[in-house]
Amino acid sequence: LPTPEEEMAPFGERSPAPIASHSSRRALELSERLAARGAKMYGAWWCSHCAGQKETLGAEAMGEGGFYVECSPDGAGAENERCVAAGVKGYPTWEVGGQLFPGEKDLSGLEEMLSSAK
């Protein structure tokens, strides 16, 4: 018989769905700009708007950017304390230059966010 830990293993840490879209040239350039500014995208594995935000940027931009922070305590690699300390109230929330920008954004919205951040 499996141990209780073995029975719970499939229900342990949760990972977001894989990103299906590929990044456009514009998304890749934007990802570089976000990374250069130290931007962070706070989200949760179960958040549909977070998944949409990742699809907007595409797999390559999200993978290279390194700016995703998992906030759900049961999420793989969760950094819940970091999210709480940053003052994140909902998902997704971007942080650029210490400023929080809540909500899912299209590429133009992300560019505007970068322009308005300190």
Foldseek 3Di string as FASTA:
>chain_A
DDDPCVVCVVVAADEADAADAAADPLLQVLLVLCLVQVKAWEAARPDPLQSVLDNLSHDVSCVVSPRYAHQPPRHVNHPVVVCVVLVDDHPTWMAGQSDIDDGRDHSVRSVVVSVPHD
